[in-house]
């Protein structure tokens, strides 16, 4: 049995394959998770990029970052569960592959931002360095691209 076959046969996948109701709830949880992720990361990115002003980063950043992190964690768990229903089909879907590539870039972008000492200084109330603004702008574009690619999956 290949890894792809094993993923499609694990009990969680079989449960979703047999129960439209449970599939509905896992899919809804995935969408809600994405909403939490985008709802947290986009305002933070826009504030860091300088497109939203007047709200102190030290006040909003911890809440928005935690919200986005919770959304990301839940989106990954529910996304993997949904993937397990038809893994072979998803791996043959161009939009899914684009989504995964964009997701990898978005996650790499998070790592770059969080390793930037200027990012930590900005969150502590300091000035926002141009490198932080650039990475935040890339983050907003990447996460919106992941969202669009995810919607595209259902059309291919």
N, C-alpha and C. Protein backbone atom coordinates (compact mmCIF):
# COMPACT_ATOMS: atom_id res chain seq x y z
N UNK A 1 0.85 -1.17 0.00
CA UNK A 1 0.00 0.00 0.00
C UNK A 1 0.90 1.24 0.00
N UNK A 2 0.65 2.16 -0.91
CA UNK A 2 1.42 3.39 -0.98
C UNK A 2 0.95 4.36 0.10
N UNK A 3 1.74 5.39 0.35
CA UNK A 3 1.37 6.40 1.33
C UNK A 3 0.06 7.08 0.95
N UNK A 4 -0.10 7.37 -0.33
CA UNK A 4 -1.34 8.02 -0.80
C UNK A 4 -2.54 7.11 -0.54
N UNK A 5 -2.40 5.82 -0.81
CA UNK A 5 -3.49 4.88 -0.54
C UNK A 5 -3.78 4.79 0.95
N UNK A 6 -2.72 4.78 1.77
CA UNK A 6 -2.90 4.71 3.21
C UNK A 6 -3.64 5.95 3.72
N UNK A 7 -3.28 7.12 3.21
CA UNK A 7 -3.96 8.36 3.63
C UNK A 7 -5.45 8.29 3.29
N UNK A 8 -5.77 7.81 2.09
CA UNK A 8 -7.16 7.70 1.68
C UNK A 8 -7.95 6.63 2.41
N UNK A 9 -7.25 5.74 3.10
CA UNK A 9 -7.93 4.64 3.79
C UNK A 9 -7.93 4.78 5.31
N UNK A 10 -7.29 5.80 5.85
CA UNK A 10 -7.26 5.95 7.31
C UNK A 10 -8.68 6.21 7.81
N UNK A 11 -8.99 5.84 9.03
CA UNK A 11 -10.37 5.92 9.54
C UNK A 11 -11.01 7.31 9.42
N UNK A 12 -10.22 8.37 9.61
CA UNK A 12 -10.78 9.72 9.46
C UNK A 12 -11.25 10.01 8.05
N UNK A 13 -10.50 9.52 7.06
CA UNK A 13 -10.90 9.70 5.66
C UNK A 13 -12.16 8.89 5.36
N UNK A 14 -12.19 7.67 5.84
CA UNK A 14 -13.36 6.81 5.62
C UNK A 14 -14.60 7.43 6.27
N UNK A 15 -14.43 7.99 7.45
CA UNK A 15 -15.55 8.65 8.13
C UNK A 15 -16.12 9.77 7.26
N UNK A 16 -15.24 10.62 6.72
CA UNK A 16 -15.72 11.72 5.87
C UNK A 16 -16.33 11.21 4.57
N UNK A 17 -15.76 10.12 4.02
CA UNK A 17 -16.29 9.56 2.79
C UNK A 17 -17.69 8.99 2.98
N UNK A 18 -17.99 8.51 4.17
CA UNK A 18 -19.27 7.86 4.44
C UNK A 18 -20.33 8.78 5.03
N UNK A 19 -19.90 9.92 5.55
CA UNK A 19 -20.86 10.80 6.21
C UNK A 19 -20.80 12.21 5.62
N UNK A 20 -21.80 12.52 4.83
CA UNK A 20 -21.89 13.86 4.27
C UNK A 20 -22.02 14.93 5.34
N UNK A 21 -22.67 14.59 6.44
CA UNK A 21 -22.85 15.55 7.53
C UNK A 21 -21.53 15.88 8.21
N UNK A 22 -20.74 14.87 8.51
CA UNK A 22 -19.45 15.13 9.15
C UNK A 22 -18.53 15.86 8.17
N UNK A 23 -18.57 15.48 6.90
CA UNK A 23 -17.78 16.18 5.89
C UNK A 23 -18.17 17.66 5.87
N UNK A 24 -19.47 17.94 5.92
CA UNK A 24 -19.96 19.32 5.94
C UNK A 24 -19.37 20.10 7.10
N UNK A 25 -19.36 19.50 8.30
CA UNK A 25 -18.84 20.20 9.47
C UNK A 25 -17.32 20.41 9.40
N UNK A 26 -16.59 19.42 8.91
CA UNK A 26 -15.14 19.58 8.78
C UNK A 26 -14.83 20.65 7.72
N UNK A 27 -15.57 20.64 6.62
CA UNK A 27 -15.39 21.65 5.59
C UNK A 27 -15.71 23.05 6.13
N UNK A 28 -16.80 23.16 6.90
CA UNK A 28 -17.16 24.45 7.50
C UNK A 28 -16.08 24.89 8.50
N UNK A 29 -15.55 23.96 9.25
CA UNK A 29 -14.47 24.30 10.19
C UNK A 29 -13.23 24.79 9.44
N UNK A 30 -12.97 24.20 8.28
CA UNK A 30 -11.83 24.63 7.46
C UNK A 30 -12.06 26.07 6.98
N UNK A 31 -13.24 26.36 6.52
CA UNK A 31 -13.55 27.71 6.05
C UNK A 31 -13.48 28.71 7.19
N UNK A 32 -14.02 28.35 8.35
CA UNK A 32 -13.96 29.24 9.52
C UNK A 32 -12.51 29.48 9.94
N UNK A 33 -11.69 28.44 9.88
CA UNK A 33 -10.27 28.56 10.22
C UNK A 33 -9.56 29.52 9.27
N UNK A 34 -9.88 29.41 8.00
CA UNK A 34 -9.29 30.33 7.01
C UNK A 34 -9.74 31.76 7.29
N UNK A 35 -11.00 31.92 7.66
CA UNK A 35 -11.49 33.25 8.02
C UNK A 35 -10.74 33.83 9.21
N UNK A 36 -10.49 32.99 10.22
CA UNK A 36 -9.74 33.43 11.39
C UNK A 36 -8.31 33.79 11.00
N UNK A 37 -7.70 32.98 10.15
CA UNK A 37 -6.33 33.23 9.69
C UNK A 37 -6.26 34.54 8.91
N UNK A 38 -7.07 34.67 7.88
CA UNK A 38 -7.04 35.87 7.04
C UNK A 38 -7.49 37.09 7.85
N UNK A 39 -8.49 36.91 8.72
CA UNK A 39 -8.99 38.00 9.55
C UNK A 39 -7.97 38.51 10.55
N UNK A 40 -7.00 37.68 10.88
CA UNK A 40 -5.94 38.10 11.78
C UNK A 40 -4.73 38.64 11.04
N UNK A 41 -4.31 37.91 10.02
CA UNK A 41 -3.06 38.26 9.36
C UNK A 41 -3.19 39.48 8.45
N UNK A 42 -4.31 39.62 7.76
CA UNK A 42 -4.44 40.73 6.81
C UNK A 42 -4.43 42.10 7.50
N UNK A 43 -5.22 42.32 8.57
CA UNK A 43 -5.13 43.62 9.23
C UNK A 43 -3.74 43.90 9.81
N UNK A 44 -3.09 42.85 10.34
CA UNK A 44 -1.75 43.03 10.88
C UNK A 44 -0.77 43.40 9.76
N UNK A 45 -0.85 42.69 8.65
CA UNK A 45 0.02 42.99 7.51
C UNK A 45 -0.22 44.41 6.98
N UNK A 46 -1.47 44.79 6.88
CA UNK A 46 -1.79 46.13 6.38
C UNK A 46 -1.28 47.21 7.33
N UNK A 47 -1.36 46.94 8.63
CA UNK A 47 -0.84 47.90 9.61
C UNK A 47 0.68 47.97 9.51
N UNK A 48 1.34 46.81 9.42
CA UNK A 48 2.79 46.79 9.31
C UNK A 48 3.27 47.42 8.01
N UNK A 49 2.51 47.25 6.95
CA UNK A 49 2.89 47.82 5.65
C UNK A 49 2.65 49.32 5.58
N UNK A 50 1.97 49.85 6.58
CA UNK A 50 1.71 51.29 6.62
C UNK A 50 0.44 51.72 5.94
N UNK A 51 -0.40 50.78 5.54
CA UNK A 51 -1.65 51.12 4.86
C UNK A 51 -2.77 51.42 5.84
N UNK A 52 -2.62 51.01 7.09
CA UNK A 52 -3.55 51.35 8.16
C UNK A 52 -2.72 52.05 9.23
N UNK A 53 -3.18 53.16 9.68
CA UNK A 53 -2.43 53.93 10.69
C UNK A 53 -3.32 54.21 11.89
N UNK A 54 -2.69 54.68 12.94
CA UNK A 54 -3.44 55.15 14.09
C UNK A 54 -3.68 54.12 15.17
N UNK A 55 -3.50 52.86 14.87
CA UNK A 55 -3.70 51.83 15.89
C UNK A 55 -2.31 51.35 16.32
N UNK A 56 -2.00 51.46 17.60
CA UNK A 56 -0.67 51.04 18.06
C UNK A 56 -0.44 49.54 17.85
N UNK A 57 0.68 49.22 17.25
CA UNK A 57 1.02 47.81 17.00
C UNK A 57 1.11 47.02 18.30
N UNK A 58 1.65 47.66 19.32
CA UNK A 58 1.80 46.95 20.61
C UNK A 58 0.45 46.52 21.16
N UNK A 59 -0.61 47.20 20.78
CA UNK A 59 -1.95 46.87 21.26
C UNK A 59 -2.58 45.76 20.42
N UNK A 60 -2.53 45.88 19.10
CA UNK A 60 -3.27 44.94 18.24
C UNK A 60 -2.46 43.73 17.79
N UNK A 61 -1.15 43.87 17.68
CA UNK A 61 -0.34 42.79 17.12
C UNK A 61 -0.44 41.48 17.88
N UNK A 62 -0.35 41.48 19.20
CA UNK A 62 -0.43 40.18 19.91
C UNK A 62 -1.75 39.45 19.65
N UNK A 63 -2.85 40.18 19.70
CA UNK A 63 -4.16 39.56 19.46
C UNK A 63 -4.28 39.05 18.03
N UNK A 64 -3.93 39.89 17.06
CA UNK A 64 -4.06 39.49 15.65
C UNK A 64 -3.13 38.34 15.31
N UNK A 65 -1.91 38.37 15.82
CA UNK A 65 -0.96 37.29 15.54
C UNK A 65 -1.44 35.97 16.14
N UNK A 66 -1.96 36.01 17.36
CA UNK A 66 -2.47 34.78 17.99
C UNK A 66 -3.70 34.26 17.26
N UNK A 67 -4.58 35.16 16.86
CA UNK A 67 -5.78 34.75 16.11
C UNK A 67 -5.38 34.08 14.81
N UNK A 68 -4.43 34.70 14.10
CA UNK A 68 -3.96 34.13 12.84
C UNK A 68 -3.29 32.77 13.07
N UNK A 69 -2.52 32.65 14.13
CA UNK A 69 -1.84 31.38 14.42
C UNK A 69 -2.84 30.28 14.74
N UNK A 70 -3.86 30.59 15.51
CA UNK A 70 -4.90 29.60 15.80
C UNK A 70 -5.62 29.21 14.52
N UNK A 71 -5.96 30.20 13.70
CA UNK A 71 -6.61 29.92 12.42
C UNK A 71 -5.73 29.05 11.52
N UNK A 72 -4.45 29.35 11.48
CA UNK A 72 -3.52 28.56 10.67
C UNK A 72 -3.46 27.12 11.16
N UNK A 73 -3.33 26.94 12.46
CA UNK A 73 -3.28 25.58 13.01
C UNK A 73 -4.52 24.78 12.69
N UNK A 74 -5.68 25.39 12.90
CA UNK A 74 -6.94 24.70 12.61
C UNK A 74 -7.12 24.45 11.11
N UNK A 75 -6.69 25.41 10.29
CA UNK A 75 -6.79 25.24 8.83
C UNK A 75 -5.91 24.09 8.35
N UNK A 76 -4.74 23.96 8.94
CA UNK A 76 -3.86 22.85 8.55
C UNK A 76 -4.47 21.52 8.95
N UNK A 77 -4.97 21.42 10.17
CA UNK A 77 -5.56 20.15 10.63
C UNK A 77 -6.78 19.78 9.79
N UNK A 78 -7.70 20.74 9.60
CA UNK A 78 -8.91 20.42 8.82
C UNK A 78 -8.57 20.23 7.34
N UNK A 79 -7.60 20.98 6.85
CA UNK A 79 -7.19 20.82 5.45
C UNK A 79 -6.60 19.45 5.18
N UNK A 80 -5.75 18.99 6.08
CA UNK A 80 -5.19 17.64 5.93
C UNK A 80 -6.29 16.58 5.99
N UNK A 81 -7.25 16.79 6.87
CA UNK A 81 -8.35 15.84 6.98
C UNK A 81 -9.17 15.82 5.69
N UNK A 82 -9.47 16.99 5.15
CA UNK A 82 -10.21 17.04 3.88
C UNK A 82 -9.40 16.44 2.73
N UNK A 83 -8.09 16.70 2.72
CA UNK A 83 -7.21 16.13 1.70
C UNK A 83 -7.27 14.61 1.72
N UNK A 84 -7.41 14.02 2.91
CA UNK A 84 -7.38 12.56 3.03
C UNK A 84 -8.57 11.88 2.34
N UNK A 85 -9.62 12.62 2.04
CA UNK A 85 -10.79 12.03 1.40
C UNK A 85 -10.48 11.60 -0.04
N UNK A 86 -9.71 12.42 -0.76
CA UNK A 86 -9.37 12.14 -2.16
C UNK A 86 -7.91 12.54 -2.43
N UNK A 87 -6.96 11.94 -1.76
CA UNK A 87 -5.58 12.42 -1.90
C UNK A 87 -5.02 12.31 -3.33
N UNK A 88 -5.35 11.25 -4.00
CA UNK A 88 -4.83 11.07 -5.36
C UNK A 88 -5.38 12.15 -6.30
N UNK A 89 -6.66 12.48 -6.16
CA UNK A 89 -7.27 13.52 -7.00
C UNK A 89 -6.66 14.89 -6.70
N UNK A 90 -6.46 15.18 -5.42
CA UNK A 90 -5.87 16.48 -5.07
C UNK A 90 -4.46 16.60 -5.61
N UNK A 91 -3.68 15.54 -5.52
CA UNK A 91 -2.31 15.59 -6.01
C UNK A 91 -2.23 15.74 -7.52
N UNK A 92 -3.32 15.46 -8.21
CA UNK A 92 -3.37 15.64 -9.67
C UNK A 92 -4.01 16.98 -10.05
N UNK A 93 -4.43 17.76 -9.07
CA UNK A 93 -5.13 19.02 -9.30
C UNK A 93 -4.12 20.17 -9.31
N UNK A 94 -3.99 20.84 -10.44
CA UNK A 94 -3.03 21.93 -10.59
C UNK A 94 -3.26 23.03 -9.56
N UNK A 95 -4.50 23.39 -9.33
CA UNK A 95 -4.81 24.45 -8.37
C UNK A 95 -4.37 24.05 -6.96
N UNK A 96 -4.57 22.79 -6.60
CA UNK A 96 -4.14 22.31 -5.29
C UNK A 96 -2.63 22.41 -5.15
N UNK A 97 -1.92 22.04 -6.21
CA UNK A 97 -0.46 22.11 -6.16
C UNK A 97 0.01 23.56 -6.05
N UNK A 98 -0.66 24.46 -6.75
CA UNK A 98 -0.35 25.90 -6.61
C UNK A 98 -0.63 26.36 -5.19
N UNK A 99 -1.76 25.93 -4.64
CA UNK A 99 -2.11 26.32 -3.28
C UNK A 99 -1.03 25.86 -2.31
N UNK A 100 -0.55 24.64 -2.45
CA UNK A 100 0.48 24.12 -1.55
C UNK A 100 1.79 24.88 -1.71
N UNK A 101 2.14 25.23 -2.95
CA UNK A 101 3.37 25.99 -3.18
C UNK A 101 3.25 27.39 -2.57
N UNK A 102 2.11 28.03 -2.78
CA UNK A 102 1.89 29.36 -2.20
C UNK A 102 1.85 29.29 -0.68
N UNK A 103 1.25 28.25 -0.14
CA UNK A 103 1.21 28.07 1.30
C UNK A 103 2.63 27.93 1.87
N UNK A 104 3.46 27.15 1.19
CA UNK A 104 4.85 26.99 1.63
C UNK A 104 5.57 28.34 1.61
N UNK A 105 5.35 29.13 0.57
CA UNK A 105 5.97 30.46 0.51
C UNK A 105 5.45 31.37 1.62
N UNK A 106 4.14 31.31 1.90
CA UNK A 106 3.56 32.13 2.96
C UNK A 106 4.13 31.74 4.32
N UNK A 107 4.31 30.45 4.55
CA UNK A 107 4.89 30.00 5.82
C UNK A 107 6.35 30.40 5.93
N UNK A 108 7.08 30.33 4.82
CA UNK A 108 8.47 30.78 4.80
C UNK A 108 8.52 32.28 5.08
N UNK A 109 7.59 33.02 4.52
CA UNK A 109 7.51 34.47 4.74
C UNK A 109 7.30 34.79 6.22
N UNK A 110 6.46 33.98 6.89
CA UNK A 110 6.26 34.17 8.34
C UNK A 110 7.59 33.98 9.07
N UNK A 111 8.31 32.94 8.71
CA UNK A 111 9.60 32.67 9.36
C UNK A 111 10.57 33.83 9.13
N UNK A 112 10.60 34.37 7.93
CA UNK A 112 11.48 35.50 7.63
C UNK A 112 11.09 36.70 8.49
N UNK A 113 9.80 37.00 8.58
CA UNK A 113 9.34 38.16 9.36
C UNK A 113 9.68 37.99 10.84
N UNK A 114 9.42 36.80 11.37
CA UNK A 114 9.63 36.59 12.80
C UNK A 114 11.10 36.53 13.19
N UNK A 115 11.97 36.29 12.23
CA UNK A 115 13.41 36.30 12.51
C UNK A 115 14.02 37.69 12.34
N UNK A 116 13.24 38.62 11.84
CA UNK A 116 13.71 39.98 11.60
C UNK A 116 13.67 40.76 12.92
N UNK A 117 14.81 41.23 13.37
CA UNK A 117 14.86 41.96 14.64
C UNK A 117 14.04 43.25 14.57
N UNK A 118 13.91 43.82 13.38
CA UNK A 118 13.12 45.04 13.21
C UNK A 118 11.62 44.75 13.45
N UNK A 119 11.20 43.53 13.18
CA UNK A 119 9.81 43.14 13.43
C UNK A 119 9.50 43.20 14.92
N UNK A 120 10.38 42.62 15.71
CA UNK A 120 10.17 42.63 17.17
C UNK A 120 10.19 44.05 17.72
N UNK A 121 11.08 44.86 17.20
CA UNK A 121 11.14 46.27 17.63
C UNK A 121 9.85 47.01 17.28
N UNK A 122 9.31 46.74 16.08
CA UNK A 122 8.06 47.39 15.66
C UNK A 122 6.91 46.97 16.57
N UNK A 123 6.86 45.70 16.93
CA UNK A 123 5.79 45.21 17.80
C UNK A 123 5.88 45.80 19.20
N UNK A 124 7.07 46.18 19.60
CA UNK A 124 7.26 46.78 20.92
C UNK A 124 7.02 48.29 20.90
N UNK A 125 6.53 48.80 19.78
CA UNK A 125 6.20 50.22 19.71
C UNK A 125 7.23 51.06 18.98
N UNK A 126 8.26 50.43 18.44
CA UNK A 126 9.27 51.18 17.70
C UNK A 126 8.77 51.52 16.30
N UNK A 127 9.62 52.15 15.54
CA UNK A 127 9.26 52.47 14.15
C UNK A 127 9.27 51.19 13.32
N UNK A 128 8.50 51.21 12.25
CA UNK A 128 8.41 50.05 11.38
C UNK A 128 9.44 50.20 10.26
N UNK A 129 10.42 49.34 10.28
CA UNK A 129 11.51 49.35 9.30
C UNK A 129 10.98 48.99 7.92
N UNK A 130 11.56 49.53 6.86
CA UNK A 130 11.11 49.18 5.50
C UNK A 130 11.13 47.68 5.21
N UNK A 131 12.07 46.94 5.79
CA UNK A 131 12.10 45.49 5.55
C UNK A 131 10.85 44.82 6.13
N UNK A 132 10.37 45.32 7.26
CA UNK A 132 9.16 44.79 7.88
C UNK A 132 7.96 45.11 6.99
N UNK A 133 7.92 46.31 6.46
CA UNK A 133 6.83 46.71 5.56
C UNK A 133 6.80 45.83 4.30
N UNK A 134 7.97 45.58 3.74
CA UNK A 134 8.07 44.75 2.53
C UNK A 134 7.58 43.33 2.78
N UNK A 135 8.05 42.73 3.86
CA UNK A 135 7.66 41.36 4.17
C UNK A 135 6.16 41.30 4.49
N UNK A 136 5.64 42.31 5.17
CA UNK A 136 4.20 42.35 5.46
C UNK A 136 3.39 42.46 4.18
N UNK A 137 3.84 43.28 3.24
CA UNK A 137 3.15 43.38 1.95
C UNK A 137 3.16 42.06 1.20
N UNK A 138 4.30 41.39 1.22
CA UNK A 138 4.39 40.06 0.59
C UNK A 138 3.46 39.08 1.28
N UNK A 139 3.39 39.16 2.60
CA UNK A 139 2.51 38.28 3.36
C UNK A 139 1.06 38.45 2.94
N UNK A 140 0.60 39.69 2.86
CA UNK A 140 -0.78 39.94 2.46
C UNK A 140 -1.07 39.36 1.08
N UNK A 141 -0.16 39.58 0.15
CA UNK A 141 -0.34 39.06 -1.21
C UNK A 141 -0.33 37.54 -1.21
N UNK A 142 0.60 36.95 -0.48
CA UNK A 142 0.70 35.48 -0.45
C UNK A 142 -0.54 34.84 0.16
N UNK A 143 -1.01 35.36 1.30
CA UNK A 143 -2.17 34.74 1.94
C UNK A 143 -3.43 34.90 1.10
N UNK A 144 -3.58 36.04 0.45
CA UNK A 144 -4.74 36.19 -0.45
C UNK A 144 -4.61 35.26 -1.66
N UNK A 145 -3.39 35.04 -2.11
CA UNK A 145 -3.17 34.10 -3.22
C UNK A 145 -3.47 32.67 -2.81
N UNK A 146 -3.09 32.30 -1.58
CA UNK A 146 -3.44 30.96 -1.07
C UNK A 146 -4.96 30.81 -1.02
N UNK A 147 -5.64 31.85 -0.58
CA UNK A 147 -7.10 31.82 -0.51
C UNK A 147 -7.71 31.62 -1.90
N UNK A 148 -7.24 32.37 -2.88
CA UNK A 148 -7.78 32.26 -4.24
C UNK A 148 -7.46 30.88 -4.82
N UNK A 149 -6.25 30.41 -4.62
CA UNK A 149 -5.89 29.08 -5.13
C UNK A 149 -6.75 28.00 -4.49
N UNK A 150 -7.06 28.16 -3.20
CA UNK A 150 -7.92 27.20 -2.52
C UNK A 150 -9.31 27.17 -3.11
N UNK A 151 -9.83 28.31 -3.46
CA UNK A 151 -11.16 28.36 -4.09
C UNK A 151 -11.08 27.76 -5.49
N UNK A 152 -9.96 27.95 -6.16
CA UNK A 152 -9.74 27.46 -7.52
C UNK A 152 -9.74 25.93 -7.55
N UNK A 153 -9.32 25.29 -6.47
CA UNK A 153 -9.25 23.83 -6.41
C UNK A 153 -10.59 23.21 -6.83
N UNK A 154 -11.68 23.74 -6.35
CA UNK A 154 -12.99 23.17 -6.64
C UNK A 154 -13.44 23.33 -8.08
N UNK A 155 -12.76 24.18 -8.84
CA UNK A 155 -13.17 24.43 -10.23
C UNK A 155 -12.38 23.61 -11.23
N UNK A 156 -11.36 22.89 -10.78
CA UNK A 156 -10.56 22.07 -11.71
C UNK A 156 -10.83 20.59 -11.49
